[in-house]
Amino acid sequence: MITITVKKRKDQYIDFQSKGHAGYAEEGHDIVCAAVSALIITTVNSLETFTKECFQVSERDGFVSIHFSGTNTDEGKLLMNSLLLGLTEIEHSYNNRYLTVKVKEV
């Protein structure tokens, strides 16, 4: 299962973390993993290309972390809100069997 944990403080994104594999199908055929990966990669690339957001990314097999420094830009918040929307839609489509999204206020 993929576990997504998002930490926010008021209206600001602090940290995003994705851990694990969906387990929907074998590697290379897992559409849930592919969809989650595509959303996360596109968001990171969009944050880098279209915003002045200050953040650091760490990634390895089955793990991605985005840590934000300072105040989020309006564009950065919009991109992160869109990422969460896409991820929660996937979560609900598969009845939380392959993906869990948690948003924590810190």
N, C-alpha and C. Protein backbone atom coordinates (compact mmCIF):
# COMPACT_ATOMS: atom_id res chain seq x y z
N MET A 1 0.83 -1.18 0.00
CA MET A 1 0.00 0.00 0.00
C MET A 1 0.88 1.25 0.00
N ILE A 2 0.42 2.27 -0.70
CA ILE A 2 1.10 3.57 -0.68
C ILE A 2 0.46 4.40 0.42
N THR A 3 1.31 4.99 1.26
CA THR A 3 0.83 5.88 2.31
C THR A 3 1.35 7.28 2.02
N ILE A 4 0.44 8.21 1.86
CA ILE A 4 0.77 9.61 1.64
C ILE A 4 0.48 10.36 2.94
N THR A 5 1.47 11.10 3.43
CA THR A 5 1.28 11.93 4.62
C THR A 5 1.66 13.36 4.26
N VAL A 6 0.72 14.26 4.51
CA VAL A 6 0.94 15.68 4.23
C VAL A 6 0.83 16.43 5.55
N LYS A 7 1.83 17.25 5.84
CA LYS A 7 1.80 18.08 7.04
C LYS A 7 1.57 19.52 6.62
N LYS A 8 0.58 20.13 7.27
CA LYS A 8 0.25 21.53 7.00
C LYS A 8 0.20 22.30 8.31
N ARG A 9 0.47 23.57 8.23
CA ARG A 9 0.29 24.47 9.36
C ARG A 9 -0.56 25.62 8.85
N LYS A 10 -1.78 25.68 9.36
CA LYS A 10 -2.79 26.61 8.89
C LYS A 10 -3.00 26.36 7.40
N ASP A 11 -2.69 27.32 6.55
CA ASP A 11 -2.92 27.15 5.11
C ASP A 11 -1.61 26.87 4.36
N GLN A 12 -0.56 26.50 5.10
CA GLN A 12 0.77 26.33 4.50
C GLN A 12 1.19 24.87 4.49
N TYR A 13 1.70 24.43 3.34
CA TYR A 13 2.26 23.08 3.23
C TYR A 13 3.65 23.08 3.84
N ILE A 14 3.91 22.11 4.71
CA ILE A 14 5.20 21.97 5.37
C ILE A 14 5.98 20.80 4.78
N ASP A 15 5.28 19.66 4.62
CA ASP A 15 5.96 18.43 4.21
C ASP A 15 4.97 17.50 3.50
N PHE A 16 5.48 16.79 2.51
CA PHE A 16 4.71 15.78 1.78
C PHE A 16 5.57 14.54 1.73
N GLN A 17 4.99 13.38 2.02
CA GLN A 17 5.75 12.14 1.98
C GLN A 17 4.90 11.01 1.41
N SER A 18 5.47 10.29 0.46
CA SER A 18 4.83 9.12 -0.13
C SER A 18 5.73 7.92 0.11
N LYS A 19 5.16 6.85 0.72
CA LYS A 19 5.94 5.65 1.02
C LYS A 19 5.20 4.42 0.55
N GLY A 20 5.95 3.48 -0.01
CA GLY A 20 5.41 2.18 -0.33
C GLY A 20 5.02 2.00 -1.79
N HIS A 21 4.51 0.81 -2.07
CA HIS A 21 4.04 0.44 -3.40
C HIS A 21 2.58 0.02 -3.29
N ALA A 22 1.82 0.27 -4.33
CA ALA A 22 0.38 0.02 -4.28
C ALA A 22 0.05 -1.47 -4.12
N GLY A 23 0.73 -2.32 -4.86
CA GLY A 23 0.42 -3.74 -4.80
C GLY A 23 -0.81 -4.12 -5.60
N TYR A 24 -1.22 -3.26 -6.52
CA TYR A 24 -2.38 -3.54 -7.36
C TYR A 24 -2.06 -4.62 -8.39
N ALA A 25 -0.85 -4.57 -8.93
CA ALA A 25 -0.40 -5.54 -9.94
C ALA A 25 1.13 -5.64 -9.85
N GLU A 26 1.69 -6.52 -10.68
CA GLU A 26 3.14 -6.67 -10.72
C GLU A 26 3.81 -5.38 -11.16
N GLU A 27 5.08 -5.23 -10.76
CA GLU A 27 5.86 -4.07 -11.16
C GLU A 27 5.84 -3.93 -12.69
N GLY A 28 5.62 -2.72 -13.14
CA GLY A 28 5.53 -2.47 -14.57
C GLY A 28 4.11 -2.56 -15.12
N HIS A 29 3.19 -3.11 -14.32
CA HIS A 29 1.80 -3.24 -14.74
C HIS A 29 0.84 -2.64 -13.71
N ASP A 30 1.39 -1.98 -12.71
CA ASP A 30 0.59 -1.45 -11.60
C ASP A 30 0.09 -0.05 -11.96
N ILE A 31 -1.17 0.04 -12.37
CA ILE A 31 -1.74 1.33 -12.81
C ILE A 31 -1.93 2.31 -11.65
N VAL A 32 -2.13 1.80 -10.45
CA VAL A 32 -2.27 2.70 -9.30
C VAL A 32 -0.93 3.36 -9.00
N CYS A 33 0.12 2.57 -8.96
CA CYS A 33 1.47 3.11 -8.73
C CYS A 33 1.84 4.11 -9.83
N ALA A 34 1.52 3.77 -11.06
CA ALA A 34 1.83 4.65 -12.19
C ALA A 34 1.09 5.98 -12.07
N ALA A 35 -0.17 5.94 -11.70
CA ALA A 35 -0.96 7.16 -11.57
C ALA A 35 -0.43 8.05 -10.44
N VAL A 36 -0.13 7.44 -9.30
CA VAL A 36 0.40 8.20 -8.17
C VAL A 36 1.75 8.81 -8.54
N SER A 37 2.62 8.03 -9.15
CA SER A 37 3.94 8.52 -9.57
C SER A 37 3.82 9.67 -10.55
N ALA A 38 2.93 9.54 -11.52
CA ALA A 38 2.75 10.60 -12.52
C ALA A 38 2.29 11.90 -11.86
N LEU A 39 1.35 11.81 -10.94
CA LEU A 39 0.87 13.01 -10.26
C LEU A 39 1.99 13.67 -9.45
N ILE A 40 2.75 12.87 -8.71
CA ILE A 40 3.81 13.44 -7.87
C ILE A 40 4.92 14.04 -8.72
N ILE A 41 5.37 13.32 -9.74
CA ILE A 41 6.45 13.82 -10.61
C ILE A 41 6.03 15.11 -11.31
N THR A 42 4.81 15.14 -11.82
CA THR A 42 4.31 16.34 -12.51
C THR A 42 4.24 17.52 -11.54
N THR A 43 3.81 17.27 -10.32
CA THR A 43 3.72 18.35 -9.33
C THR A 43 5.10 18.89 -8.99
N VAL A 44 6.07 18.01 -8.74
CA VAL A 44 7.43 18.46 -8.44
C VAL A 44 7.99 19.27 -9.61
N ASN A 45 7.85 18.75 -10.82
CA ASN A 45 8.35 19.48 -11.99
C ASN A 45 7.65 20.82 -12.17
N SER A 46 6.35 20.88 -11.90
CA SER A 46 5.60 22.13 -12.01
C SER A 46 6.00 23.12 -10.93
N LEU A 47 6.24 22.64 -9.70
CA LEU A 47 6.72 23.52 -8.64
C LEU A 47 8.05 24.15 -9.03
N GLU A 48 8.94 23.34 -9.61
CA GLU A 48 10.26 23.85 -10.03
C GLU A 48 10.16 24.83 -11.20
N THR A 49 9.27 24.54 -12.15
CA THR A 49 9.20 25.30 -13.39
C THR A 49 8.33 26.55 -13.28
N PHE A 50 7.22 26.45 -12.59
CA PHE A 50 6.22 27.52 -12.64
C PHE A 50 6.08 28.35 -11.37
N THR A 51 6.86 28.02 -10.32
CA THR A 51 6.74 28.78 -9.07
C THR A 51 8.11 29.20 -8.57
N LYS A 52 8.10 30.03 -7.56
CA LYS A 52 9.32 30.42 -6.87
C LYS A 52 9.36 29.76 -5.49
N GLU A 53 8.68 28.62 -5.40
CA GLU A 53 8.57 27.86 -4.16
C GLU A 53 9.95 27.40 -3.70
N CYS A 54 10.23 27.50 -2.40
CA CYS A 54 11.47 26.98 -1.82
C CYS A 54 11.17 25.60 -1.23
N PHE A 55 11.81 24.56 -1.78
CA PHE A 55 11.56 23.20 -1.30
C PHE A 55 12.71 22.29 -1.67
N GLN A 56 12.79 21.17 -0.96
CA GLN A 56 13.78 20.14 -1.23
C GLN A 56 13.03 18.83 -1.48
N VAL A 57 13.55 18.04 -2.42
CA VAL A 57 12.94 16.75 -2.75
C VAL A 57 13.96 15.64 -2.48
N SER A 58 13.48 14.57 -1.88
CA SER A 58 14.27 13.35 -1.72
C SER A 58 13.46 12.21 -2.32
N GLU A 59 14.15 11.31 -3.02
CA GLU A 59 13.43 10.16 -3.59
C GLU A 59 14.35 8.97 -3.69
N ARG A 60 13.71 7.81 -3.52
CA ARG A 60 14.34 6.52 -3.76
C ARG A 60 13.20 5.55 -4.03
N ASP A 61 13.50 4.33 -4.31
CA ASP A 61 12.47 3.36 -4.66
C ASP A 61 11.36 3.32 -3.61
N GLY A 62 10.15 3.64 -4.03
CA GLY A 62 9.00 3.58 -3.13
C GLY A 62 8.91 4.72 -2.14
N PHE A 63 9.67 5.78 -2.34
CA PHE A 63 9.67 6.89 -1.38
C PHE A 63 9.91 8.21 -2.09
N VAL A 64 9.08 9.21 -1.76
CA VAL A 64 9.30 10.59 -2.21
C VAL A 64 8.95 11.51 -1.06
N SER A 65 9.81 12.49 -0.82
CA SER A 65 9.56 13.48 0.22
C SER A 65 9.77 14.87 -0.38
N ILE A 66 8.85 15.76 -0.08
CA ILE A 66 8.97 17.17 -0.46
C ILE A 66 8.89 17.97 0.84
N HIS A 67 9.93 18.73 1.12
CA HIS A 67 9.92 19.58 2.32
C HIS A 67 9.96 21.04 1.87
N PHE A 68 9.00 21.83 2.35
CA PHE A 68 8.87 23.23 1.98
C PHE A 68 9.56 24.11 3.02
N SER A 69 10.27 25.12 2.53
CA SER A 69 10.93 26.10 3.39
C SER A 69 10.23 27.44 3.21
N GLY A 70 9.83 28.03 4.28
CA GLY A 70 9.21 29.35 4.19
C GLY A 70 7.74 29.29 3.81
N THR A 71 7.22 30.44 3.44
CA THR A 71 5.81 30.59 3.10
C THR A 71 5.54 30.09 1.68
N ASN A 72 4.47 29.33 1.52
CA ASN A 72 4.09 28.83 0.18
C ASN A 72 3.60 29.98 -0.69
N THR A 73 3.93 29.89 -1.96
CA THR A 73 3.38 30.84 -2.94
C THR A 73 1.94 30.42 -3.26
N ASP A 74 1.17 31.34 -3.81
CA ASP A 74 -0.20 30.99 -4.22
C ASP A 74 -0.17 29.87 -5.26
N GLU A 75 0.78 29.94 -6.19
CA GLU A 75 0.89 28.92 -7.23
C GLU A 75 1.27 27.57 -6.64
N GLY A 76 2.19 27.59 -5.67
CA GLY A 76 2.60 26.35 -5.00
C GLY A 76 1.45 25.69 -4.26
N LYS A 77 0.64 26.50 -3.57
CA LYS A 77 -0.53 25.97 -2.87
C LYS A 77 -1.52 25.37 -3.86
N LEU A 78 -1.73 26.04 -4.97
CA LEU A 78 -2.65 25.52 -5.99
C LEU A 78 -2.17 24.17 -6.53
N LEU A 79 -0.89 24.07 -6.82
CA LEU A 79 -0.35 22.80 -7.33
C LEU A 79 -0.46 21.69 -6.29
N MET A 80 -0.17 21.99 -5.04
CA MET A 80 -0.28 20.98 -3.98
C MET A 80 -1.74 20.59 -3.73
N ASN A 81 -2.65 21.57 -3.78
CA ASN A 81 -4.08 21.27 -3.64
C ASN A 81 -4.54 20.35 -4.77
N SER A 82 -4.05 20.61 -5.98
CA SER A 82 -4.39 19.78 -7.13
C SER A 82 -3.83 18.36 -6.97
N LEU A 83 -2.60 18.25 -6.48
CA LEU A 83 -2.01 16.94 -6.22
C LEU A 83 -2.86 16.16 -5.22
N LEU A 84 -3.24 16.80 -4.12
CA LEU A 84 -4.07 16.13 -3.12
C LEU A 84 -5.43 15.72 -3.67
N LEU A 85 -6.00 16.57 -4.51
CA LEU A 85 -7.28 16.22 -5.14
C LEU A 85 -7.14 14.95 -5.97
N GLY A 86 -6.11 14.90 -6.81
CA GLY A 86 -5.88 13.72 -7.65
C GLY A 86 -5.63 12.47 -6.82
N LEU A 87 -4.82 12.60 -5.78
CA LEU A 87 -4.50 11.44 -4.94
C LEU A 87 -5.72 10.94 -4.17
N THR A 88 -6.53 11.85 -3.64
CA THR A 88 -7.72 11.41 -2.89
C THR A 88 -8.76 10.81 -3.82
N GLU A 89 -8.83 11.26 -5.07
CA GLU A 89 -9.74 10.64 -6.04
C GLU A 89 -9.32 9.21 -6.33
N ILE A 90 -8.01 8.98 -6.47
CA ILE A 90 -7.52 7.61 -6.66
C ILE A 90 -7.81 6.77 -5.42
N GLU A 91 -7.55 7.34 -4.24
CA GLU A 91 -7.81 6.64 -2.98
C GLU A 91 -9.27 6.19 -2.91
N HIS A 92 -10.20 7.07 -3.22
CA HIS A 92 -11.62 6.74 -3.14
C HIS A 92 -12.05 5.78 -4.24
N SER A 93 -11.45 5.90 -5.41
CA SER A 93 -11.80 5.00 -6.53
C SER A 93 -11.48 3.55 -6.21
N TYR A 94 -10.46 3.34 -5.40
CA TYR A 94 -10.05 1.98 -5.05
C TYR A 94 -10.37 1.64 -3.59
N ASN A 95 -11.31 2.38 -3.00
CA ASN A 95 -11.79 2.11 -1.63
C ASN A 95 -10.66 1.96 -0.61
N ASN A 96 -9.65 2.81 -0.71
CA ASN A 96 -8.53 2.84 0.25
C ASN A 96 -7.74 1.53 0.31
N ARG A 97 -7.86 0.69 -0.70
CA ARG A 97 -7.16 -0.60 -0.67
C ARG A 97 -5.68 -0.49 -1.05
N TYR A 98 -5.34 0.47 -1.90
CA TYR A 98 -3.97 0.55 -2.42
C TYR A 98 -3.27 1.85 -2.07
N LEU A 99 -4.04 2.82 -1.58
CA LEU A 99 -3.53 4.15 -1.31
C LEU A 99 -4.29 4.76 -0.13
N THR A 100 -3.53 5.36 0.79
CA THR A 100 -4.12 6.09 1.91
C THR A 100 -3.49 7.48 1.93
N VAL A 101 -4.35 8.49 2.02
CA VAL A 101 -3.89 9.88 2.08
C VAL A 101 -4.28 10.46 3.44
N LYS A 102 -3.27 10.97 4.16
CA LYS A 102 -3.51 11.58 5.47
C LYS A 102 -2.99 13.00 5.45
N VAL A 103 -3.82 13.94 5.86
CA VAL A 103 -3.39 15.33 5.99
C VAL A 103 -3.41 15.66 7.48
N LYS A 104 -2.24 16.08 7.98
CA LYS A 104 -2.11 16.38 9.41
C LYS A 104 -1.84 17.86 9.62
N GLU A 105 -2.57 18.46 10.53
CA GLU A 105 -2.32 19.83 10.94
C GLU A 105 -1.27 19.78 12.05
N VAL A 106 -0.15 20.49 11.85
CA VAL A 106 0.94 20.47 12.84
C VAL A 106 1.18 21.85 13.43
